[in-house]
Amino acid sequence: RGRGRADGPDDSEDADDARSSSEPRVYLDPMDPNWKPPAKLDWLHVPKTGTSFLYSLVLYQCDKTIASAKDEKAEKAAMQKNFNLIVKGGAWSTCHRGLRSYHSSLRRSADRGHNGRDVGQVVSLFRKPLARLASGLVHKYHQCGVGELRAVASYKNVCEVLTNPSSSKEDIDRVHKAIDLYAECVEGCQTRMASGMGSCGHWGQPTIPKSETFDSILTHAKNKSDHFAFVGLTEKWAESICMWEHYFPRPSGHPYYPEFMLHNVRPTSNKGCEDYIVEYLEGRGYRDELDDAFYAHAESLYQRRVGDCTHASEQHIETHGSRLPSTG
């Protein structure tokens, strides 16, 4: 079937489990000519993969309200208003439902997204694990800003030490310990969120639930993602947005606005520090094996669907004379 099921009246755990025990649903691949984009979306917002993606989601799901504006300027203002309300948790609109995931994991059931949504309504971006990790650390130990980390070193101190050639060996060792602790905290983040088997940050919890194995959680995440309505990559931002426009045209027929969709609303505060973090982790042979394996699968889904959007980044550079801003 092409569309995810519409919202049910009951989003409780019991109702979710009851629905998932029924006959398995069949989802069409977006490349199938009979596929239709779901009218209602379910955003799996993995931390540090790009909040700017929300502009695309808002223009699609809140299209009825936004497209009723009197002109393009007013339409853009309405889009920005809805974007701000979702990001800042302001006044509620029915078209916001499914877009306010607050970095929460999907339900664990094979055919479920978040509350009341099917896995066939899920849309998401994924990012190379080490780049995502480094960005999260610089962004105030994102998802792991408590516990032992802050006692070892503040996130600001990490960057001060790493970018200062005069730092002492003692300070560098202390900062390396903080990086190692943060890596441990967010290990497997994207896989856990997609599978529903844990959250992004996990202080005091095993990386994989005791009842699961590495292979079982990875397989579950892969199987769920195979049915997602959209899979993009942060590293391929222009191509992913181009692909979004292709598969999710606005119901009103109005255009998308690249000056918003290709804009980075939360750029990194210290790219040099992020590069040092990645270099350190690579140097000691660190790998997030779970997320590396899942990202490779997400990349294969993206490659299979990207089609004519393959050269979107080059076209952007040719048109605007600059590269897309890096995502922080």
Protein backbone atom coordinates (compact mmCIF):
# COMPACT_ATOMS: atom_id res chain seq x y z
CA ARG A 1 0.00 0.00 0.00
CA GLY A 2 1.24 3.49 -0.73
CA ARG A 3 0.01 5.58 2.15
CA GLY A 4 0.66 5.25 5.82
CA ARG A 5 -2.51 4.84 7.86
CA ALA A 6 -4.13 8.02 9.17
CA ASP A 7 -3.93 8.87 12.86
CA GLY A 8 -5.83 6.52 15.13
CA PRO A 9 -7.95 7.84 17.99
CA ASP A 10 -5.82 6.10 20.62
CA ASP A 11 -2.04 6.56 20.87
CA SER A 12 -1.58 4.52 24.03
CA GLU A 13 0.98 1.71 24.36
CA ASP A 14 -1.82 -0.88 24.58
CA ALA A 15 -3.47 0.35 21.41
CA ASP A 16 -0.11 0.37 19.65
CA ASP A 17 0.63 -3.22 20.65
CA ALA A 18 -2.85 -4.36 19.66
CA ARG A 19 -2.53 -2.84 16.19
CA SER A 20 0.91 -4.36 15.65
CA SER A 21 -0.36 -7.85 16.37
CA SER A 22 -2.73 -7.78 13.40
CA GLU A 23 -1.87 -8.96 9.89
CA PRO A 24 1.40 -7.37 8.67
CA ARG A 25 0.96 -4.30 6.46
CA VAL A 26 2.38 -4.12 2.97
CA TYR A 27 4.26 -0.97 1.94
CA LEU A 28 5.20 0.02 -1.57
CA ASP A 29 8.68 1.28 -2.34
CA PRO A 30 8.68 5.01 -3.26
CA MET A 31 10.09 4.01 -6.64
CA ASP A 32 6.98 1.93 -7.37
CA PRO A 33 4.75 3.79 -9.86
CA ASN A 34 1.74 3.07 -7.63
CA TRP A 35 3.34 4.63 -4.55
CA LYS A 36 1.78 7.79 -3.17
CA PRO A 37 3.34 9.98 -0.48
CA PRO A 38 1.61 9.71 2.90
CA ALA A 39 -0.59 12.70 3.68
CA LYS A 40 0.62 12.69 7.29
CA LEU A 41 4.28 12.44 8.16
CA ASP A 42 6.20 11.02 11.09
CA TRP A 43 9.60 12.68 11.54
CA LEU A 44 12.33 10.55 13.05
CA HIS A 45 14.59 13.42 14.05
CA VAL A 46 17.98 11.94 14.86
CA PRO A 47 20.03 14.57 16.74
CA LYS A 48 22.54 16.52 14.65
CA THR A 49 21.26 15.39 11.28
CA GLY A 50 19.75 18.73 10.26
CA THR A 51 16.90 20.70 11.82
CA SER A 52 16.61 22.62 8.54
CA PHE A 53 14.85 19.57 7.09
CA LEU A 54 11.80 20.76 9.02
CA TYR A 55 11.22 23.49 6.41
CA SER A 56 10.52 20.80 3.83
CA LEU A 57 8.23 18.92 6.20
CA VAL A 58 6.27 22.04 7.15
CA LEU A 59 5.74 23.11 3.55
CA TYR A 60 4.36 19.68 2.74
CA GLN A 61 2.23 18.85 5.78
CA CYS A 62 1.02 22.39 6.58
CA ASP A 63 0.55 23.21 2.90
CA LYS A 64 -3.18 23.87 3.13
CA THR A 65 -2.66 26.68 5.64
CA ILE A 66 0.53 28.08 4.15
CA ALA A 67 -0.67 28.03 0.52
CA SER A 68 -3.73 30.10 1.44
CA ALA A 69 -1.50 33.15 2.07
CA LYS A 70 -2.13 36.07 -0.26
CA ASP A 71 1.29 36.08 -1.92
CA GLU A 72 4.72 34.47 -1.83
CA LYS A 73 6.04 36.79 0.87
CA ALA A 74 3.11 35.99 3.14
CA GLU A 75 3.47 32.28 2.35
CA LYS A 76 7.11 32.31 3.41
CA ALA A 77 6.17 34.15 6.60
CA ALA A 78 3.52 31.52 7.37
CA MET A 79 6.06 28.77 6.75
CA GLN A 80 8.57 30.41 9.10
CA LYS A 81 5.90 30.87 11.77
CA ASN A 82 5.00 27.17 11.70
CA PHE A 83 8.68 26.22 11.72
CA ASN A 84 9.32 28.38 14.80
CA LEU A 85 6.27 27.05 16.63
CA ILE A 86 7.45 23.47 16.17
CA VAL A 87 11.10 24.14 17.09
CA LYS A 88 10.30 26.32 20.09
CA GLY A 89 7.28 24.36 21.28
CA GLY A 90 4.81 27.20 20.80
CA ALA A 91 1.08 27.18 20.05
CA TRP A 92 -0.19 23.92 18.60
CA SER A 93 -1.61 23.35 15.14
CA THR A 94 -3.06 20.06 13.90
CA CYS A 95 -0.64 20.09 10.97
CA HIS A 96 2.27 19.93 13.42
CA ARG A 97 1.41 16.45 14.55
CA GLY A 98 4.12 13.97 13.67
CA LEU A 99 6.68 16.77 13.22
CA ARG A 100 7.36 17.29 16.93
CA SER A 101 9.33 14.16 17.70
CA TYR A 102 11.77 15.83 20.12
CA HIS A 103 14.49 13.34 19.18
CA SER A 104 12.38 10.43 20.41
CA SER A 105 12.84 6.87 19.15
CA LEU A 106 10.23 5.06 17.09
CA ARG A 107 8.02 2.42 18.65
CA ARG A 108 9.66 -0.97 18.73
CA SER A 109 6.93 -2.83 16.77
CA ALA A 110 7.98 -3.65 13.22
CA ASP A 111 5.16 -1.64 11.60
CA ARG A 112 5.08 1.37 13.96
CA GLY A 113 6.58 4.81 13.82
CA HIS A 114 5.87 7.16 16.70
CA ASN A 115 2.51 7.32 18.49
CA GLY A 116 -0.35 6.57 16.11
CA ARG A 117 1.77 6.50 12.97
CA ASP A 118 2.79 3.69 10.66
CA VAL A 119 6.39 3.01 9.71
CA GLY A 120 5.36 3.85 6.13
CA GLN A 121 4.85 7.46 7.23
CA VAL A 122 8.33 7.86 8.71
CA VAL A 123 10.74 10.34 7.09
CA SER A 124 14.30 10.79 8.27
CA LEU A 125 17.84 11.89 7.56
CA PHE A 126 20.91 9.98 8.70
CA ARG A 127 24.51 11.09 9.10
CA LYS A 128 27.97 9.52 9.16
CA PRO A 129 28.41 8.37 12.77
CA LEU A 130 31.71 10.09 13.63
CA ALA A 131 30.63 13.40 12.11
CA ARG A 132 27.33 13.21 14.01
CA LEU A 133 29.16 12.36 17.24
CA ALA A 134 31.61 15.26 16.92
CA SER A 135 28.82 17.72 16.15
CA GLY A 136 26.84 16.54 19.16
CA LEU A 137 29.78 16.86 21.53
CA VAL A 138 30.49 20.43 20.44
CA HIS A 139 26.77 21.15 20.83
CA LYS A 140 26.90 20.92 24.64
CA TYR A 141 27.30 17.13 24.86
CA HIS A 142 23.96 16.80 23.06
CA GLN A 143 21.80 14.02 24.57
CA CYS A 144 24.48 13.24 27.18
CA GLY A 145 25.05 16.50 29.05
CA VAL A 146 24.86 14.99 32.52
CA GLY A 147 26.75 12.51 34.65
CA GLU A 148 30.47 11.87 34.60
CA LEU A 149 31.14 13.88 31.45
CA ARG A 150 30.88 17.35 32.95
CA ALA A 151 32.99 16.33 35.91
CA VAL A 152 35.78 15.38 33.50
CA ALA A 153 35.62 18.42 31.20
CA SER A 154 33.06 20.93 29.99
CA TYR A 155 32.22 20.79 26.30
CA LYS A 156 33.79 24.25 25.92
CA ASN A 157 36.95 23.08 27.64
CA VAL A 158 37.21 20.17 25.20
CA CYS A 159 37.48 22.53 22.25
CA GLU A 160 39.73 24.99 24.08
CA VAL A 161 42.23 22.24 24.84
CA LEU A 162 42.08 20.56 21.43
CA THR A 163 42.60 23.78 19.47
CA ASN A 164 45.34 25.19 21.73
CA PRO A 165 48.85 24.04 20.68
CA SER A 166 50.13 24.88 24.18
CA SER A 167 47.77 22.49 26.01
CA SER A 168 49.46 20.23 28.54
CA LYS A 169 49.50 16.45 28.20
CA GLU A 170 47.39 16.23 31.37
CA ASP A 171 44.69 18.45 29.85
CA ILE A 172 44.76 16.58 26.55
CA ASP A 173 44.41 13.22 28.32
CA ARG A 174 41.48 14.56 30.34
CA VAL A 175 39.74 15.82 27.20
CA HIS A 176 40.35 12.54 25.41
CA LYS A 177 38.63 10.78 28.31
CA ALA A 178 35.62 13.09 27.90
CA ILE A 179 35.47 12.30 24.17
CA ASP A 180 35.62 8.58 24.91
CA LEU A 181 32.80 8.89 27.46
CA TYR A 182 30.62 10.83 25.04
CA ALA A 183 31.27 8.28 22.28
CA GLU A 184 30.20 5.54 24.68
CA CYS A 185 27.03 7.45 25.57
CA VAL A 186 25.82 7.97 21.99
CA GLU A 187 27.10 4.73 20.48
CA GLY A 188 24.48 3.17 18.21
CA CYS A 189 22.26 6.27 18.46
CA GLN A 190 20.76 6.15 14.96
CA THR A 191 20.21 2.39 15.02
CA ARG A 192 18.54 2.45 18.42
CA MET A 193 16.22 5.29 17.43
CA ALA A 194 15.18 3.65 14.15
CA SER A 195 14.65 0.24 15.75
CA GLY A 196 12.84 1.54 18.83
CA MET A 197 15.33 -0.31 21.04
CA GLY A 198 16.65 2.54 23.16
CA SER A 199 17.27 6.27 22.88
CA CYS A 200 20.17 8.27 21.45
CA GLY A 201 22.01 8.93 24.71
CA HIS A 202 22.10 6.11 27.25
CA TRP A 203 23.87 6.83 30.52
CA GLY A 204 23.91 3.80 32.77
CA GLN A 205 22.32 1.54 30.14
CA PRO A 206 23.91 -1.14 27.97
CA THR A 207 24.49 -0.20 24.34
CA ILE A 208 22.16 -3.03 23.31
CA PRO A 209 19.21 -4.19 25.45
CA LYS A 210 20.03 -7.41 27.30
CA SER A 211 17.33 -9.28 25.39
CA GLU A 212 18.88 -8.34 22.03
CA THR A 213 22.07 -9.04 20.10
CA PHE A 214 24.02 -6.77 17.78
CA ASP A 215 22.57 -8.57 14.76
CA SER A 216 18.98 -8.52 16.01
CA ILE A 217 18.84 -4.78 16.71
CA LEU A 218 20.60 -3.98 13.43
CA THR A 219 18.29 -6.24 11.42
CA HIS A 220 15.23 -4.73 13.11
CA ALA A 221 16.40 -1.19 12.30
CA LYS A 222 17.16 -2.12 8.69
CA ASN A 223 13.81 -3.82 8.20
CA LYS A 224 11.92 -0.84 9.59
CA SER A 225 13.89 1.66 7.51
CA ASP A 226 13.16 -0.32 4.33
CA HIS A 227 9.55 0.84 4.71
CA PHE A 228 10.26 4.51 5.55
CA ALA A 229 8.61 6.94 3.18
CA PHE A 230 11.85 8.93 2.88
CA VAL A 231 15.52 8.35 3.70
CA GLY A 232 18.01 11.16 3.09
CA LEU A 233 21.62 11.79 4.08
CA THR A 234 22.94 14.88 5.85
CA GLU A 235 26.18 14.67 3.83
CA LYS A 236 24.10 14.76 0.64
CA TRP A 237 21.88 17.64 1.65
CA ALA A 238 21.11 19.22 -1.73
CA GLU A 239 20.53 15.80 -3.31
CA SER A 240 18.27 14.74 -0.43
CA ILE A 241 16.19 17.91 -0.66
CA CYS A 242 15.95 17.52 -4.43
CA MET A 243 14.74 13.97 -3.87
CA TRP A 244 12.21 15.21 -1.31
CA GLU A 245 10.70 17.64 -3.80
CA HIS A 246 10.42 14.83 -6.34
CA TYR A 247 8.65 12.35 -4.06
CA PHE A 248 6.70 14.87 -1.95
CA PRO A 249 5.34 17.65 -4.18
CA ARG A 250 3.26 20.17 -2.27
CA PRO A 251 -0.47 19.29 -2.55
CA SER A 252 -1.25 22.87 -3.62
CA GLY A 253 1.22 22.70 -6.48
CA HIS A 254 3.10 25.67 -5.04
CA PRO A 255 6.90 25.55 -5.15
CA TYR A 256 9.36 24.77 -2.38
CA TYR A 257 11.78 27.53 -1.39
CA PRO A 258 15.46 26.53 -1.70
CA GLU A 259 16.69 29.59 0.20
CA PHE A 260 15.08 28.03 3.28
CA MET A 261 15.45 24.33 2.54
CA LEU A 262 19.16 24.66 1.72
CA HIS A 263 19.88 26.98 4.63
CA ASN A 264 21.58 25.67 7.77
CA VAL A 265 19.64 27.08 10.71
CA ARG A 266 22.03 25.58 13.27
CA PRO A 267 25.58 25.71 11.89
CA THR A 268 28.41 24.27 13.90
CA SER A 269 30.02 26.59 16.43
CA ASN A 270 33.50 25.10 16.00
CA LYS A 271 34.26 23.09 12.86
CA GLY A 272 37.94 22.90 13.76
CA CYS A 273 37.12 21.26 17.07
CA GLU A 274 34.84 18.74 15.36
CA ASP A 275 37.66 17.83 12.99
CA TYR A 276 40.03 17.28 15.94
CA ILE A 277 37.47 14.99 17.62
CA VAL A 278 37.04 12.88 14.49
CA GLU A 279 40.81 12.75 13.97
CA TYR A 280 41.37 11.60 17.55
CA LEU A 281 38.73 8.86 17.39
CA GLU A 282 39.95 7.62 14.01
CA GLY A 283 43.52 7.68 15.29
CA ARG A 284 42.74 5.34 18.15
CA GLY A 285 40.77 3.05 15.87
CA TYR A 286 37.33 3.83 17.28
CA ARG A 287 34.28 2.72 15.28
CA ASP A 288 30.62 2.83 16.12
CA GLU A 289 30.04 -0.57 14.56
CA LEU A 290 26.28 -0.54 15.03
CA ASP A 291 25.70 2.87 13.47
CA ASP A 292 28.34 2.30 10.79
CA ALA A 293 26.43 -0.77 9.63
CA PHE A 294 23.05 0.96 9.79
CA TYR A 295 24.32 4.07 8.02
CA ALA A 296 25.64 1.89 5.18
CA HIS A 297 22.13 0.48 4.80
CA ALA A 298 20.55 3.96 4.86
CA GLU A 299 23.06 5.04 2.23
CA SER A 300 22.05 2.12 0.00
CA LEU A 301 18.38 3.16 0.31
CA TYR A 302 19.30 6.72 -0.59
CA GLN A 303 21.40 5.64 -3.58
CA ARG A 304 18.58 3.50 -4.92
CA ARG A 305 16.10 6.37 -4.79
CA VAL A 306 18.15 9.50 -5.54
CA GLY A 307 17.82 9.18 -9.33
CA ASP A 308 18.22 12.43 -11.27
CA CYS A 309 19.08 14.35 -8.08
CA THR A 310 22.62 12.90 -8.02
CA HIS A 311 24.22 16.17 -9.15
CA ALA A 312 22.15 18.59 -7.08
CA SER A 313 25.16 19.84 -5.08
CA GLU A 314 27.14 20.64 -8.23
CA GLN A 315 24.11 22.45 -9.65
CA HIS A 316 23.80 24.49 -6.47
CA ILE A 317 27.47 25.49 -6.64
CA GLU A 318 27.10 26.41 -10.32
CA THR A 319 24.00 28.53 -9.63
CA HIS A 320 25.07 30.22 -6.38
CA GLY A 321 28.84 30.13 -6.63
CA SER A 322 29.29 28.53 -3.22
CA ARG A 323 29.02 25.23 -1.44
CA LEU A 324 26.20 24.35 0.88
CA PRO A 325 26.94 25.23 4.52
CA SER A 326 28.04 22.28 6.63
CA THR A 327 25.47 20.96 9.08
CA GLY A 328 26.20 21.35 12.77
